[in-house]
Amino acid sequence: MSAINEPSLDAIKSTSAIISHWHALLMRAIIRLRVRRADAMTESEMLRKAIRHFAGWCERHGRVASQPSRDLSEVSEGQVILRNVRGELARYVLDEKHNRMRPRSLGSPAA
């Protein structure tokens, strides 16, 4: 039976250092990707997220969602105002920290 060669203490420290180094590089890359993703949110993505959130909100609150018009809705400076022919449906602001749209005011106009 042959003896099992155990790694030396220097080899273990070296391997640990390599793993720590690559872990740090990976974490920095993930953080950069998150920042780029938040910076890269286009107006159409903001509008799409706001419409999806509004439809979900209406469903959770037992309301019939009025379809927002892309032409009448407005996107400017990190804010989305959803509108249709009946008027303003909701307002959302961009939460840059979490890369999502947060409601500012919600509610369907009177029929």
Protein backbone atom coordinates (compact mmCIF):
# COMPACT_ATOMS: atom_id res chain seq x y z
CA MET A 1 0.00 0.00 0.00
CA SER A 2 1.48 3.36 -1.00
CA ALA A 3 1.53 6.31 1.34
CA ILE A 4 -0.74 9.26 0.49
CA ASN A 5 1.27 12.41 -0.09
CA GLU A 6 -0.27 15.22 1.93
CA PRO A 7 0.19 18.76 0.61
CA SER A 8 2.71 20.90 2.41
CA LEU A 9 1.67 23.89 4.49
CA ASP A 10 3.17 26.23 1.88
CA ALA A 11 1.09 24.58 -0.86
CA ILE A 12 -2.08 24.99 1.21
CA LYS A 13 -1.32 28.68 1.87
CA SER A 14 -0.56 29.24 -1.80
CA THR A 15 -3.81 27.58 -2.89
CA SER A 16 -5.76 29.59 -0.32
CA ALA A 17 -4.16 32.81 -1.57
CA ILE A 18 -5.06 31.97 -5.16
CA ILE A 19 -8.67 31.22 -4.22
CA SER A 20 -8.92 34.47 -2.21
CA HIS A 21 -7.48 36.45 -5.10
CA TRP A 22 -9.94 35.00 -7.64
CA HIS A 23 -12.85 35.43 -5.23
CA ALA A 24 -11.98 39.13 -4.83
CA LEU A 25 -11.76 39.56 -8.61
CA LEU A 26 -15.09 37.83 -9.10
CA MET A 27 -16.83 39.98 -6.49
CA ARG A 28 -15.51 43.18 -8.10
CA ALA A 29 -16.75 41.99 -11.49
CA ILE A 30 -20.22 41.25 -10.07
CA ILE A 31 -20.39 44.71 -8.49
CA ARG A 32 -19.38 46.34 -11.80
CA LEU A 33 -22.07 44.38 -13.65
CA ARG A 34 -24.72 45.50 -11.17
CA VAL A 35 -23.70 49.14 -11.55
CA ARG A 36 -23.68 48.89 -15.35
CA ARG A 37 -27.09 47.21 -15.33
CA ALA A 38 -28.56 50.02 -13.21
CA ASP A 39 -26.95 52.68 -15.40
CA ALA A 40 -28.11 50.99 -18.57
CA MET A 41 -31.85 51.02 -17.81
CA THR A 42 -33.40 52.65 -20.85
CA GLU A 43 -36.61 54.65 -20.96
CA SER A 44 -38.41 51.75 -22.65
CA GLU A 45 -37.28 49.39 -19.86
CA MET A 46 -38.47 51.87 -17.23
CA LEU A 47 -41.85 52.10 -18.97
CA ARG A 48 -42.12 48.31 -19.31
CA LYS A 49 -41.32 47.76 -15.61
CA ALA A 50 -43.80 50.45 -14.52
CA ILE A 51 -46.58 48.94 -16.67
CA ARG A 52 -45.88 45.45 -15.31
CA HIS A 53 -45.88 46.72 -11.71
CA PHE A 54 -49.12 48.64 -12.29
CA ALA A 55 -50.87 45.56 -13.72
CA GLY A 56 -49.72 43.48 -10.72
CA TRP A 57 -50.85 46.17 -8.28
CA CYS A 58 -54.30 46.28 -9.87
CA GLU A 59 -54.59 42.50 -9.71
CA ARG A 60 -53.53 42.37 -6.04
CA HIS A 61 -56.04 45.10 -5.13
CA GLY A 62 -58.97 43.65 -7.07
CA ARG A 63 -59.08 46.40 -9.66
CA VAL A 64 -59.47 46.04 -13.38
CA ALA A 65 -56.27 47.44 -14.85
CA SER A 66 -56.76 50.17 -17.41
CA GLN A 67 -54.20 49.66 -20.17
CA PRO A 68 -51.65 52.49 -20.17
CA SER A 69 -50.89 54.06 -23.53
CA ARG A 70 -47.21 54.08 -24.49
CA ASP A 71 -47.83 57.22 -26.55
CA LEU A 72 -49.54 59.15 -23.75
CA SER A 73 -47.26 57.92 -20.95
CA GLU A 74 -44.20 59.98 -20.11
CA VAL A 75 -40.67 59.01 -19.07
CA SER A 76 -38.28 61.72 -17.87
CA GLU A 77 -35.47 62.08 -15.34
CA GLY A 78 -36.01 58.73 -13.65
CA GLN A 79 -39.80 59.14 -13.41
CA VAL A 80 -42.57 57.37 -15.32
CA ILE A 81 -46.13 58.69 -15.55
CA LEU A 82 -48.56 56.10 -16.88
CA ARG A 83 -51.52 57.56 -18.75
CA ASN A 84 -54.29 56.50 -21.07
CA VAL A 85 -57.18 58.42 -22.67
CA ARG A 86 -58.95 58.62 -19.28
CA GLY A 87 -56.03 60.37 -17.60
CA GLU A 88 -53.15 59.60 -15.30
CA LEU A 89 -53.02 56.03 -13.98
CA ALA A 90 -49.87 55.99 -11.84
CA ARG A 91 -46.48 57.56 -11.21
CA TYR A 92 -43.24 55.68 -10.62
CA VAL A 93 -39.72 56.77 -9.77
CA LEU A 94 -36.51 54.88 -10.48
CA ASP A 95 -34.85 53.44 -7.38
CA GLU A 96 -31.28 53.46 -8.69
CA LYS A 97 -29.90 51.60 -5.69
CA HIS A 98 -32.08 48.54 -6.35
CA ASN A 99 -32.58 49.08 -10.11
CA ARG A 100 -36.38 48.98 -9.93
CA MET A 101 -39.38 51.24 -10.30
CA ARG A 102 -41.06 52.37 -7.07
CA PRO A 103 -44.64 53.66 -7.01
CA ARG A 104 -45.08 57.34 -6.25
CA SER A 105 -48.86 57.29 -6.64
CA LEU A 106 -51.23 54.57 -7.81
CA GLY A 107 -54.87 54.35 -8.74
CA SER A 108 -57.11 54.01 -11.74
CA PRO A 109 -59.11 57.03 -12.85
CA ALA A 110 -62.86 56.93 -12.40
CA ALA A 111 -64.72 55.20 -15.21
